[in-house]
Amino acid sequence: MPVHLSASGKLLAGEIRPVSGSSGVTSQDPGRLTVFAADGHERLGELEIGRSPLTIASSPDGALGYVSCVVDSVVDVVDLGSLRLLSRVEPAKAGEVGAHGPAYIPRAG
């Protein structure tokens, strides 16, 4: 569902993975982040992320990706070189809505 083009020329695509049961969609499997080369559309790899990826951002140098996953209320931090999950930020959930729209704010100094 969400897509993002990093400064390093990688196209990041988030995938929501619903689980269907006899009464329709009953739950979600973990989401998936798939990374493509923007210039030739070659699939570079993928990794499992939190449920229901909503927005994707990246660091100014394109080294890190940030994926907000609304159902799990997490922001997954991904190394875009190795396609490894580096950390998971778990902001407090206020009400029913989980993590939304990450913003990259560089550290001073």
PDB file of N, CA and C in Angstrom:
ATOM      1  N   MET A   1       0.815  -1.191   0.000  1.00  0.00           N
ATOM      2  CA  MET A   1       0.000   0.000   0.000  1.00  0.00           C
ATOM      3  C   MET A   1       0.865   1.264   0.000  1.00  0.00           C
ATOM      4  N   PRO A   2       1.708   1.545   1.028  1.00  0.00           N
ATOM      5  CA  PRO A   2       2.525   2.754   0.937  1.00  0.00           C
ATOM      6  C   PRO A   2       3.771   2.507   0.092  1.00  0.00           C
ATOM      7  N   VAL A   3       4.243   3.555  -0.588  1.00  0.00           N
ATOM      8  CA  VAL A   3       5.495   3.490  -1.339  1.00  0.00           C
ATOM      9  C   VAL A   3       6.328   4.725  -1.020  1.00  0.00           C
ATOM     10  N   HIS A   4       7.648   4.590  -1.181  1.00  0.00           N
ATOM     11  CA  HIS A   4       8.562   5.695  -0.884  1.00  0.00           C
ATOM     12  C   HIS A   4       9.821   5.504  -1.714  1.00  0.00           C
ATOM     13  N   LEU A   5      10.364   6.595  -2.249  1.00  0.00           N
ATOM     14  CA  LEU A   5      11.622   6.563  -2.987  1.00  0.00           C
ATOM     15  C   LEU A   5      12.692   7.190  -2.113  1.00  0.00           C
ATOM     16  N   SER A   6      13.730   6.411  -1.788  1.00  0.00           N
ATOM     17  CA  SER A   6      14.811   6.915  -0.933  1.00  0.00           C
ATOM     18  C   SER A   6      15.814   7.720  -1.755  1.00  0.00           C
ATOM     19  N   ALA A   7      16.627   8.506  -1.051  1.00  0.00           N
ATOM     20  CA  ALA A   7      17.663   9.308  -1.711  1.00  0.00           C
ATOM     21  C   ALA A   7      18.714   8.434  -2.380  1.00  0.00           C
ATOM     22  N   SER A   8      18.836   7.192  -1.927  1.00  0.00           N
ATOM     23  CA  SER A   8      19.822   6.281  -2.518  1.00  0.00           C
ATOM     24  C   SER A   8      19.263   5.513  -3.723  1.00  0.00           C
ATOM     25  N   GLY A   9      18.056   5.860  -4.155  1.00  0.00           N
ATOM     26  CA  GLY A   9      17.499   5.250  -5.360  1.00  0.00           C
ATOM     27  C   GLY A   9      16.820   3.914  -5.150  1.00  0.00           C
ATOM     28  N   LYS A  10      16.304   3.705  -3.945  1.00  0.00           N
ATOM     29  CA  LYS A  10      15.562   2.471  -3.664  1.00  0.00           C
ATOM     30  C   LYS A  10      14.085   2.797  -3.513  1.00  0.00           C
ATOM     31  N   LEU A  11      13.268   1.996  -4.175  1.00  0.00           N
ATOM     32  CA  LEU A  11      11.825   2.134  -4.074  1.00  0.00           C
ATOM     33  C   LEU A  11      11.339   1.165  -3.007  1.00  0.00           C
ATOM     34  N   LEU A  12      10.718   1.691  -1.957  1.00  0.00           N
ATOM     35  CA  LEU A  12      10.245   0.887  -0.835  1.00  0.00           C
ATOM     36  C   LEU A  12       8.730   0.743  -0.940  1.00  0.00           C
ATOM     37  N   ALA A  13       8.246  -0.478  -0.873  1.00  0.00           N
ATOM     38  CA  ALA A  13       6.815  -0.741  -0.987  1.00  0.00           C
ATOM     39  C   ALA A  13       6.345  -1.568   0.200  1.00  0.00           C
ATOM     40  N   GLY A  14       5.355  -1.069   0.915  1.00  0.00           N
ATOM     41  CA  GLY A  14       4.785  -1.787   2.045  1.00  0.00           C
ATOM     42  C   GLY A  14       3.589  -2.605   1.610  1.00  0.00           C
ATOM     43  N   GLU A  15       3.433  -3.770   2.203  1.00  0.00           N
ATOM     44  CA  GLU A  15       2.330  -4.671   1.843  1.00  0.00           C
ATOM     45  C   GLU A  15       1.548  -5.056   3.085  1.00  0.00           C
ATOM     46  N   ILE A  16       0.240  -4.869   3.011  1.00  0.00           N
ATOM     47  CA  ILE A  16      -0.673  -5.340   4.051  1.00  0.00           C
ATOM     48  C   ILE A  16      -1.079  -6.758   3.673  1.00  0.00           C
ATOM     49  N   ARG A  17      -1.080  -7.656   4.660  1.00  0.00           N
ATOM     50  CA  ARG A  17      -1.351  -9.068   4.363  1.00  0.00           C
ATOM     51  C   ARG A  17      -2.545  -9.554   5.181  1.00  0.00           C
ATOM     52  N   PRO A  18      -3.765  -9.329   4.669  1.00  0.00           N
ATOM     53  CA  PRO A  18      -4.958  -9.771   5.395  1.00  0.00           C
ATOM     54  C   PRO A  18      -5.101 -11.289   5.377  1.00  0.00           C
ATOM     55  N   VAL A  19      -5.726 -11.796   6.428  1.00  0.00           N
ATOM     56  CA  VAL A  19      -6.028 -13.223   6.520  1.00  0.00           C
ATOM     57  C   VAL A  19      -7.538 -13.354   6.376  1.00  0.00           C
ATOM     58  N   SER A  20      -7.963 -14.119   5.399  1.00  0.00           N
ATOM     59  CA  SER A  20      -9.388 -14.290   5.154  1.00  0.00           C
ATOM     60  C   SER A  20      -9.903 -15.544   5.831  1.00  0.00           C
ATOM     61  N   GLY A  21     -11.074 -15.420   6.398  1.00  0.00           N
ATOM     62  CA  GLY A  21     -11.759 -16.556   6.996  1.00  0.00           C
ATOM     63  C   GLY A  21     -13.138 -16.677   6.376  1.00  0.00           C
ATOM     64  N   SER A  22     -13.971 -17.517   6.952  1.00  0.00           N
ATOM     65  CA  SER A  22     -15.311 -17.738   6.399  1.00  0.00           C
ATOM     66  C   SER A  22     -16.183 -16.493   6.474  1.00  0.00           C
ATOM     67  N   SER A  23     -15.862 -15.564   7.384  1.00  0.00           N
ATOM     68  CA  SER A  23     -16.668 -14.347   7.511  1.00  0.00           C
ATOM     69  C   SER A  23     -15.943 -13.128   6.945  1.00  0.00           C
ATOM     70  N   GLY A  24     -15.005 -13.349   6.036  1.00  0.00           N
ATOM     71  CA  GLY A  24     -14.268 -12.245   5.424  1.00  0.00           C
ATOM     72  C   GLY A  24     -12.878 -12.126   6.026  1.00  0.00           C
ATOM     73  N   VAL A  25     -12.339 -10.914   6.006  1.00  0.00           N
ATOM     74  CA  VAL A  25     -11.014 -10.678   6.576  1.00  0.00           C
ATOM     75  C   VAL A  25     -11.127 -10.730   8.091  1.00  0.00           C
ATOM     76  N   THR A  26     -10.369 -11.627   8.700  1.00  0.00           N
ATOM     77  CA  THR A  26     -10.488 -11.840  10.139  1.00  0.00           C
ATOM     78  C   THR A  26      -9.298 -11.316  10.933  1.00  0.00           C
ATOM     79  N   SER A  27      -8.130 -11.186  10.291  1.00  0.00           N
ATOM     80  CA  SER A  27      -6.941 -10.695  10.986  1.00  0.00           C
ATOM     81  C   SER A  27      -5.904 -10.309   9.944  1.00  0.00           C
ATOM     82  N   GLN A  28      -4.709 -10.001  10.417  1.00  0.00           N
ATOM     83  CA  GLN A  28      -3.616  -9.675   9.504  1.00  0.00           C
ATOM     84  C   GLN A  28      -2.356 -10.417   9.902  1.00  0.00           C
ATOM     85  N   ASP A  29      -1.657 -10.906   8.902  1.00  0.00           N
ATOM     86  CA  ASP A  29      -0.311 -11.420   9.110  1.00  0.00           C
ATOM     87  C   ASP A  29       0.625 -10.218   9.194  1.00  0.00           C
ATOM     88  N   PRO A  30       1.861 -10.419   9.669  1.00  0.00           N
ATOM     89  CA  PRO A  30       2.813  -9.309   9.639  1.00  0.00           C
ATOM     90  C   PRO A  30       2.929  -8.741   8.226  1.00  0.00           C
ATOM     91  N   GLY A  31       3.206  -7.429   8.156  1.00  0.00           N
ATOM     92  CA  GLY A  31       3.361  -6.785   6.861  1.00  0.00           C
ATOM     93  C   GLY A  31       4.674  -7.173   6.210  1.00  0.00           C
ATOM     94  N   ARG A  32       4.863  -6.673   5.010  1.00  0.00           N
ATOM     95  CA  ARG A  32       6.092  -6.972   4.263  1.00  0.00           C
ATOM     96  C   ARG A  32       6.585  -5.674   3.632  1.00  0.00           C
ATOM     97  N   LEU A  33       7.890  -5.437   3.730  1.00  0.00           N
ATOM     98  CA  LEU A  33       8.529  -4.335   3.033  1.00  0.00           C
ATOM     99  C   LEU A  33       9.358  -4.939   1.908  1.00  0.00           C
ATOM    100  N   THR A  34       9.049  -4.565   0.680  1.00  0.00           N
ATOM    101  CA  THR A  34       9.799  -5.028  -0.479  1.00  0.00           C
ATOM    102  C   THR A  34      10.575  -3.844  -1.038  1.00  0.00           C
ATOM    103  N   VAL A  35      11.830  -4.078  -1.377  1.00  0.00           N
ATOM    104  CA  VAL A  35      12.710  -3.016  -1.852  1.00  0.00           C
ATOM    105  C   VAL A  35      13.119  -3.312  -3.298  1.00  0.00           C
ATOM    106  N   PHE A  36      12.976  -2.292  -4.142  1.00  0.00           N
ATOM    107  CA  PHE A  36      13.313  -2.389  -5.558  1.00  0.00           C
ATOM    108  C   PHE A  36      14.355  -1.328  -5.907  1.00  0.00           C
ATOM    109  N   ALA A  37      15.168  -1.598  -6.926  1.00  0.00           N
ATOM    110  CA  ALA A  37      16.047  -0.579  -7.501  1.00  0.00           C
ATOM    111  C   ALA A  37      15.163   0.322  -8.353  1.00  0.00           C
ATOM    112  N   ALA A  38      15.185   1.619  -8.080  1.00  0.00           N
ATOM    113  CA  ALA A  38      14.294   2.536  -8.791  1.00  0.00           C
ATOM    114  C   ALA A  38      14.646   2.663 -10.265  1.00  0.00           C
ATOM    115  N   ASP A  39      15.923   2.511 -10.607  1.00  0.00           N
ATOM    116  CA  ASP A  39      16.316   2.711 -11.998  1.00  0.00           C
ATOM    117  C   ASP A  39      15.946   1.549 -12.911  1.00  0.00           C
ATOM    118  N   GLY A  40      15.989   0.322 -12.419  1.00  0.00           N
ATOM    119  CA  GLY A  40      15.680  -0.814 -13.282  1.00  0.00           C
ATOM    120  C   GLY A  40      14.557  -1.689 -12.766  1.00  0.00           C
ATOM    121  N   HIS A  41      13.984  -1.326 -11.646  1.00  0.00           N
ATOM    122  CA  HIS A  41      12.879  -2.052 -11.013  1.00  0.00           C
ATOM    123  C   HIS A  41      13.241  -3.466 -10.575  1.00  0.00           C
ATOM    124  N   GLU A  42      14.546  -3.734 -10.444  1.00  0.00           N
ATOM    125  CA  GLU A  42      14.987  -5.040  -9.952  1.00  0.00           C
ATOM    126  C   GLU A  42      14.594  -5.185  -8.483  1.00  0.00           C
ATOM    127  N   ARG A  43      14.042  -6.333  -8.140  1.00  0.00           N
ATOM    128  CA  ARG A  43      13.670  -6.615  -6.751  1.00  0.00           C
ATOM    129  C   ARG A  43      14.936  -6.932  -5.978  1.00  0.00           C
ATOM    130  N   LEU A  44      15.252  -6.103  -4.963  1.00  0.00           N
ATOM    131  CA  LEU A  44      16.475  -6.270  -4.189  1.00  0.00           C
ATOM    132  C   LEU A  44      16.273  -7.163  -2.971  1.00  0.00           C
ATOM    133  N   GLY A  45      15.051  -7.276  -2.501  1.00  0.00           N
ATOM    134  CA  GLY A  45      14.771  -8.125  -1.342  1.00  0.00           C
ATOM    135  C   GLY A  45      13.535  -7.661  -0.596  1.00  0.00           C
ATOM    136  N   GLU A  46      13.261  -8.375   0.494  1.00  0.00           N
ATOM    137  CA  GLU A  46      12.084  -8.048   1.307  1.00  0.00           C
ATOM    138  C   GLU A  46      12.325  -8.493   2.739  1.00  0.00           C
ATOM    139  N   LEU A  47      11.537  -7.957   3.642  1.00  0.00           N
ATOM    140  CA  LEU A  47      11.582  -8.408   5.022  1.00  0.00           C
ATOM    141  C   LEU A  47      10.231  -8.205   5.669  1.00  0.00           C
ATOM    142  N   GLU A  48      10.009  -8.973   6.730  1.00  0.00           N
ATOM    143  CA  GLU A  48       8.767  -8.900   7.483  1.00  0.00           C
ATOM    144  C   GLU A  48       8.822  -7.691   8.419  1.00  0.00           C
ATOM    145  N   ILE A  49       7.698  -6.966   8.474  1.00  0.00           N
ATOM    146  CA  ILE A  49       7.572  -5.809   9.347  1.00  0.00           C
ATOM    147  C   ILE A  49       6.268  -5.939  10.130  1.00  0.00           C
ATOM    148  N   GLY A  50       5.914  -4.908  10.892  1.00  0.00           N
ATOM    149  CA  GLY A  50       4.683  -4.935  11.673  1.00  0.00           C
ATOM    150  C   GLY A  50       3.438  -4.987  10.804  1.00  0.00           C
ATOM    151  N   ARG A  51       2.312  -5.223  11.460  1.00  0.00           N
ATOM    152  CA  ARG A  51       1.041  -5.345  10.736  1.00  0.00           C
ATOM    153  C   ARG A  51       0.520  -3.984  10.279  1.00  0.00           C
ATOM    154  N   SER A  52       0.022  -3.968   9.068  1.00  0.00           N
ATOM    155  CA  SER A  52      -0.613  -2.823   8.424  1.00  0.00           C
ATOM    156  C   SER A  52       0.318  -1.619   8.246  1.00  0.00           C
ATOM    157  N   PRO A  53       1.370  -1.766   7.421  1.00  0.00           N
ATOM    158  CA  PRO A  53       2.242  -0.623   7.151  1.00  0.00           C
ATOM    159  C   PRO A  53       1.434   0.513   6.531  1.00  0.00           C
ATOM    160  N   LEU A  54       1.600   1.702   7.107  1.00  0.00           N
ATOM    161  CA  LEU A  54       0.785   2.844   6.682  1.00  0.00           C
ATOM    162  C   LEU A  54       1.602   3.890   5.939  1.00  0.00           C
ATOM    163  N   THR A  55       2.770   4.241   6.478  1.00  0.00           N
ATOM    164  CA  THR A  55       3.620   5.231   5.824  1.00  0.00           C
ATOM    165  C   THR A  55       5.078   4.785   5.910  1.00  0.00           C
ATOM    166  N   ILE A  56       5.869   5.261   4.941  1.00  0.00           N
ATOM    167  CA  ILE A  56       7.286   4.929   4.873  1.00  0.00           C
ATOM    168  C   ILE A  56       8.065   6.221   4.671  1.00  0.00           C
ATOM    169  N   ALA A  57       9.169   6.346   5.384  1.00  0.00           N
ATOM    170  CA  ALA A  57      10.096   7.471   5.219  1.00  0.00           C
ATOM    171  C   ALA A  57      11.510   6.895   5.221  1.00  0.00           C
ATOM    172  N   SER A  58      12.498   7.732   4.869  1.00  0.00           N
ATOM    173  CA  SER A  58      13.888   7.281   4.939  1.00  0.00           C
ATOM    174  C   SER A  58      14.773   8.434   5.388  1.00  0.00           C
ATOM    175  N   SER A  59      15.967   8.073   5.844  1.00  0.00           N
ATOM    176  CA  SER A  59      16.943   9.080   6.256  1.00  0.00           C
ATOM    177  C   SER A  59      17.418   9.841   5.014  1.00  0.00           C
ATOM    178  N   PRO A  60      17.937  11.057   5.195  1.00  0.00           N
ATOM    179  CA  PRO A  60      18.378  11.844   4.034  1.00  0.00           C
ATOM    180  C   PRO A  60      19.422  11.149   3.157  1.00  0.00           C
ATOM    181  N   ASP A  61      20.252  10.285   3.746  1.00  0.00           N
ATOM    182  CA  ASP A  61      21.253   9.580   2.943  1.00  0.00           C
ATOM    183  C   ASP A  61      20.733   8.269   2.351  1.00  0.00           C
ATOM    184  N   GLY A  62      19.495   7.903   2.670  1.00  0.00           N
ATOM    185  CA  GLY A  62      18.901   6.684   2.120  1.00  0.00           C
ATOM    186  C   GLY A  62      19.373   5.408   2.776  1.00  0.00           C
ATOM    187  N   ALA A  63      20.077   5.511   3.903  1.00  0.00           N
ATOM    188  CA  ALA A  63      20.611   4.319   4.568  1.00  0.00           C
ATOM    189  C   ALA A  63      19.577   3.613   5.439  1.00  0.00           C
ATOM    190  N   LEU A  64      18.653   4.369   6.001  1.00  0.00           N
ATOM    191  CA  LEU A  64      17.659   3.799   6.913  1.00  0.00           C
ATOM    192  C   LEU A  64      16.252   4.058   6.409  1.00  0.00           C
ATOM    193  N   GLY A  65      15.387   3.079   6.624  1.00  0.00           N
ATOM    194  CA  GLY A  65      13.976   3.229   6.310  1.00  0.00           C
ATOM    195  C   GLY A  65      13.172   3.172   7.595  1.00  0.00           C
ATOM    196  N   TYR A  66      12.071   3.897   7.621  1.00  0.00           N
ATOM    197  CA  TYR A  66      11.187   3.939   8.785  1.00  0.00           C
ATOM    198  C   TYR A  66       9.770   3.617   8.308  1.00  0.00           C
ATOM    199  N   VAL A  67       9.171   2.576   8.870  1.00  0.00           N
ATOM    200  CA  VAL A  67       7.845   2.147   8.441  1.00  0.00           C
ATOM    201  C   VAL A  67       6.911   2.176   9.638  1.00  0.00           C
ATOM    202  N   SER A  68       5.861   3.011   9.562  1.00  0.00           N
ATOM    203  CA  SER A  68       4.870   3.012  10.639  1.00  0.00           C
ATOM    204  C   SER A  68       3.837   1.930  10.333  1.00  0.00           C
ATOM    205  N   CYS A  69       3.559   1.114  11.348  1.00  0.00           N
ATOM    206  CA  CYS A  69       2.635  -0.015  11.196  1.00  0.00           C
ATOM    207  C   CYS A  69       1.491   0.215  12.185  1.00  0.00           C
ATOM    208  N   VAL A  70       0.351   0.618  11.656  1.00  0.00           N
ATOM    209  CA  VAL A  70      -0.728   1.150  12.480  1.00  0.00           C
ATOM    210  C   VAL A  70      -1.379   0.110  13.394  1.00  0.00           C
ATOM    211  N   VAL A  71      -1.568  -1.104  12.954  1.00  0.00           N
ATOM    212  CA  VAL A  71      -2.239  -2.107  13.788  1.00  0.00           C
ATOM    213  C   VAL A  71      -1.389  -2.465  15.005  1.00  0.00           C
ATOM    214  N   ASP A  72      -0.069  -2.631  14.805  1.00  0.00           N
ATOM    215  CA  ASP A  72       0.828  -2.949  15.921  1.00  0.00           C
ATOM    216  C   ASP A  72       1.262  -1.704  16.688  1.00  0.00           C
ATOM    217  N   SER A  73       0.980  -0.521  16.150  1.00  0.00           N
ATOM    218  CA  SER A  73       1.399   0.758  16.728  1.00  0.00           C
ATOM    219  C   SER A  73       2.904   0.774  16.961  1.00  0.00           C
ATOM    220  N   VAL A  74       3.649   0.479  15.893  1.00  0.00           N
ATOM    221  CA  VAL A  74       5.113   0.485  15.953  1.00  0.00           C
ATOM    222  C   VAL A  74       5.669   1.230  14.742  1.00  0.00           C
ATOM    223  N   VAL A  75       6.925   1.669  14.877  1.00  0.00           N
ATOM    224  CA  VAL A  75       7.693   2.165  13.738  1.00  0.00           C
ATOM    225  C   VAL A  75       8.904   1.262  13.630  1.00  0.00           C
ATOM    226  N   ASP A  76       9.002   0.525  12.537  1.00  0.00           N
ATOM    227  CA  ASP A  76      10.135  -0.366  12.309  1.00  0.00           C
ATOM    228  C   ASP A  76      11.251   0.409  11.610  1.00  0.00           C
ATOM    229  N   VAL A  77      12.477   0.262  12.127  1.00  0.00           N
ATOM    230  CA  VAL A  77      13.650   0.927  11.561  1.00  0.00           C
ATOM    231  C   VAL A  77      14.453  -0.135  10.817  1.00  0.00           C
ATOM    232  N   VAL A  78      14.673   0.093   9.532  1.00  0.00           N
ATOM    233  CA  VAL A  78      15.268  -0.908   8.649  1.00  0.00           C
ATOM    234  C   VAL A  78      16.568  -0.387   8.052  1.00  0.00           C
ATOM    235  N   ASP A  79      17.610  -1.219   8.081  1.00  0.00           N
ATOM    236  CA  ASP A  79      18.859  -0.933   7.374  1.00  0.00           C
ATOM    237  C   ASP A  79      18.604  -1.257   5.907  1.00  0.00           C
ATOM    238  N   LEU A  80      18.613  -0.251   5.045  1.00  0.00           N
ATOM    239  CA  LEU A  80      18.273  -0.472   3.644  1.00  0.00           C
ATOM    240  C   LEU A  80      19.412  -1.076   2.831  1.00  0.00           C
ATOM    241  N   GLY A  81      20.609  -1.162   3.403  1.00  0.00           N
ATOM    242  CA  GLY A  81      21.715  -1.838   2.736  1.00  0.00           C
ATOM    243  C   GLY A  81      21.637  -3.341   2.906  1.00  0.00           C
ATOM    244  N   SER A  82      21.405  -3.775   4.140  1.00  0.00           N
ATOM    245  CA  SER A  82      21.359  -5.213   4.438  1.00  0.00           C
ATOM    246  C   SER A  82      19.938  -5.761   4.485  1.00  0.00           C
ATOM    247  N   LEU A  83      18.953  -4.866   4.453  1.00  0.00           N
ATOM    248  CA  LEU A  83      17.533  -5.233   4.589  1.00  0.00           C
ATOM    249  C   LEU A  83      17.286  -6.007   5.890  1.00  0.00           C
ATOM    250  N   ARG A  84      17.843  -5.475   6.973  1.00  0.00           N
ATOM    251  CA  ARG A  84      17.635  -6.047   8.309  1.00  0.00           C
ATOM    252  C   ARG A  84      16.839  -5.075   9.157  1.00  0.00           C
ATOM    253  N   LEU A  85      15.988  -5.632   9.995  1.00  0.00           N
ATOM    254  CA  LEU A  85      15.261  -4.832  10.964  1.00  0.00           C
ATOM    255  C   LEU A  85      16.232  -4.467  12.082  1.00  0.00           C
ATOM    256  N   LEU A  86      16.500  -3.169  12.267  1.00  0.00           N
ATOM    257  CA  LEU A  86      17.447  -2.725  13.282  1.00  0.00           C
ATOM    258  C   LEU A  86      16.787  -2.531  14.637  1.00  0.00           C
ATOM    259  N   SER A  87      15.598  -1.964  14.623  1.00  0.00           N
ATOM    260  CA  SER A  87      14.898  -1.735  15.886  1.00  0.00           C
ATOM    261  C   SER A  87      13.423  -1.514  15.620  1.00  0.00           C
ATOM    262  N   ARG A  88      12.687  -1.535  16.692  1.00  0.00           N
ATOM    263  CA  ARG A  88      11.239  -1.319  16.642  1.00  0.00           C
ATOM    264  C   ARG A  88      10.903  -0.298  17.715  1.00  0.00           C
ATOM    265  N   VAL A  89      10.400   0.854  17.307  1.00  0.00           N
ATOM    266  CA  VAL A  89       9.975   1.908  18.224  1.00  0.00           C
ATOM    267  C   VAL A  89       8.499   1.667  18.527  1.00  0.00           C
ATOM    268  N   GLU A  90       8.165   1.652  19.810  1.00  0.00           N
ATOM    269  CA  GLU A  90       6.788   1.381  20.223  1.00  0.00           C
ATOM    270  C   GLU A  90       6.215   2.585  20.955  1.00  0.00           C
ATOM    271  N   PRO A  91       5.724   3.589  20.192  1.00  0.00           N
ATOM    272  CA  PRO A  91       5.137   4.754  20.851  1.00  0.00           C
ATOM    273  C   PRO A  91       3.859   4.363  21.599  1.00  0.00           C
ATOM    274  N   ALA A  92       3.582   5.105  22.650  1.00  0.00           N
ATOM    275  CA  ALA A  92       2.355   4.837  23.414  1.00  0.00           C
ATOM    276  C   ALA A  92       1.148   5.006  22.505  1.00  0.00           C
ATOM    277  N   LYS A  93       0.215   4.099  22.628  1.00  0.00           N
ATOM    278  CA  LYS A  93      -0.997   4.131  21.813  1.00  0.00           C
ATOM    279  C   LYS A  93      -2.057   4.925  22.566  1.00  0.00           C
ATOM    280  N   ALA A  94      -2.537   5.991  21.971  1.00  0.00           N
ATOM    281  CA  ALA A  94      -3.567   6.832  22.592  1.00  0.00           C
ATOM    282  C   ALA A  94      -4.893   6.546  21.890  1.00  0.00           C
ATOM    283  N   GLY A  95      -5.766   5.823  22.531  1.00  0.00           N
ATOM    284  CA  GLY A  95      -7.038   5.470  21.915  1.00  0.00           C
ATOM    285  C   GLY A  95      -6.883   4.276  20.999  1.00  0.00           C
ATOM    286  N   GLU A  96      -7.637   4.249  19.936  1.00  0.00           N
ATOM    287  CA  GLU A  96      -7.682   3.097  19.035  1.00  0.00           C
ATOM    288  C   GLU A  96      -6.660   3.154  17.909  1.00  0.00           C
ATOM    289  N   VAL A  97      -6.165   4.331  17.589  1.00  0.00           N
ATOM    290  CA  VAL A  97      -5.298   4.483  16.428  1.00  0.00           C
ATOM    291  C   VAL A  97      -3.840   4.295  16.828  1.00  0.00           C
ATOM    292  N   GLY A  98      -3.090   3.546  16.014  1.00  0.00           N
ATOM    293  CA  GLY A  98      -1.682   3.279  16.295  1.00  0.00           C
ATOM    294  C   GLY A  98      -0.757   4.264  15.613  1.00  0.00           C
ATOM    295  N   ALA A  99       0.512   3.880  15.459  1.00  0.00           N
ATOM    296  CA  ALA A  99       1.555   4.750  14.901  1.00  0.00           C
ATOM    297  C   ALA A  99       1.195   5.211  13.487  1.00  0.00           C
ATOM    298  N   HIS A 100       1.401   6.487  13.248  1.00  0.00           N
ATOM    299  CA  HIS A 100       1.145   7.102  11.946  1.00  0.00           C
ATOM    300  C   HIS A 100       2.357   7.921  11.539  1.00  0.00           C
ATOM    301  N   GLY A 101       2.495   8.178  10.260  1.00  0.00           N
ATOM    302  CA  GLY A 101       3.412   9.114   9.651  1.00  0.00           C
ATOM    303  C   GLY A 101       4.696   9.485  10.351  1.00  0.00           C
ATOM    304  N   PRO A 102       5.746   8.674  10.224  1.00  0.00           N
ATOM    305  CA  PRO A 102       7.025   9.056  10.833  1.00  0.00           C
ATOM    306  C   PRO A 102       7.629  10.264  10.125  1.00  0.00           C
ATOM    307  N   ALA A 103       8.366  11.046  10.872  1.00  0.00           N
ATOM    308  CA  ALA A 103       9.118  12.177  10.312  1.00  0.00           C
ATOM    309  C   ALA A 103      10.570  12.006  10.712  1.00  0.00           C
ATOM    310  N   TYR A 104      11.478  12.266   9.800  1.00  0.00           N
ATOM    311  CA  TYR A 104      12.901  12.170  10.110  1.00  0.00           C
ATOM    312  C   TYR A 104      13.384  13.534  10.589  1.00  0.00           C
ATOM    313  N   ILE A 105      13.895  13.590  11.813  1.00  0.00           N
ATOM    314  CA  ILE A 105      14.428  14.823  12.371  1.00  0.00           C
ATOM    315  C   ILE A 105      15.868  14.547  12.762  1.00  0.00           C
ATOM    316  N   PRO A 106      16.841  15.117  12.045  1.00  0.00           N
ATOM    317  CA  PRO A 106      18.248  14.834  12.359  1.00  0.00           C
ATOM    318  C   PRO A 106      18.650  15.422  13.710  1.00  0.00           C
ATOM    319  N   ARG A 107      19.595  14.742  14.358  1.00  0.00           N
ATOM    320  CA  ARG A 107      20.122  15.237  15.633  1.00  0.00           C
ATOM    321  C   ARG A 107      20.981  16.462  15.412  1.00  0.00           C
ATOM    322  N   ALA A 108      20.911  17.380  16.349  1.00  0.00           N
ATOM    323  CA  ALA A 108      21.772  18.560  16.289  1.00  0.00           C
ATOM    324  C   ALA A 108      23.187  18.173  16.680  1.00  0.00           C
ATOM    325  N   GLY A 109      24.167  18.785  16.048  1.00  0.00           N
ATOM    326  CA  GLY A 109      25.548  18.591  16.445  1.00  0.00           C
ATOM    327  C   GLY A 109      26.156  17.475  15.778  1.00  0.00           C
TER     328      GLY A 109
END
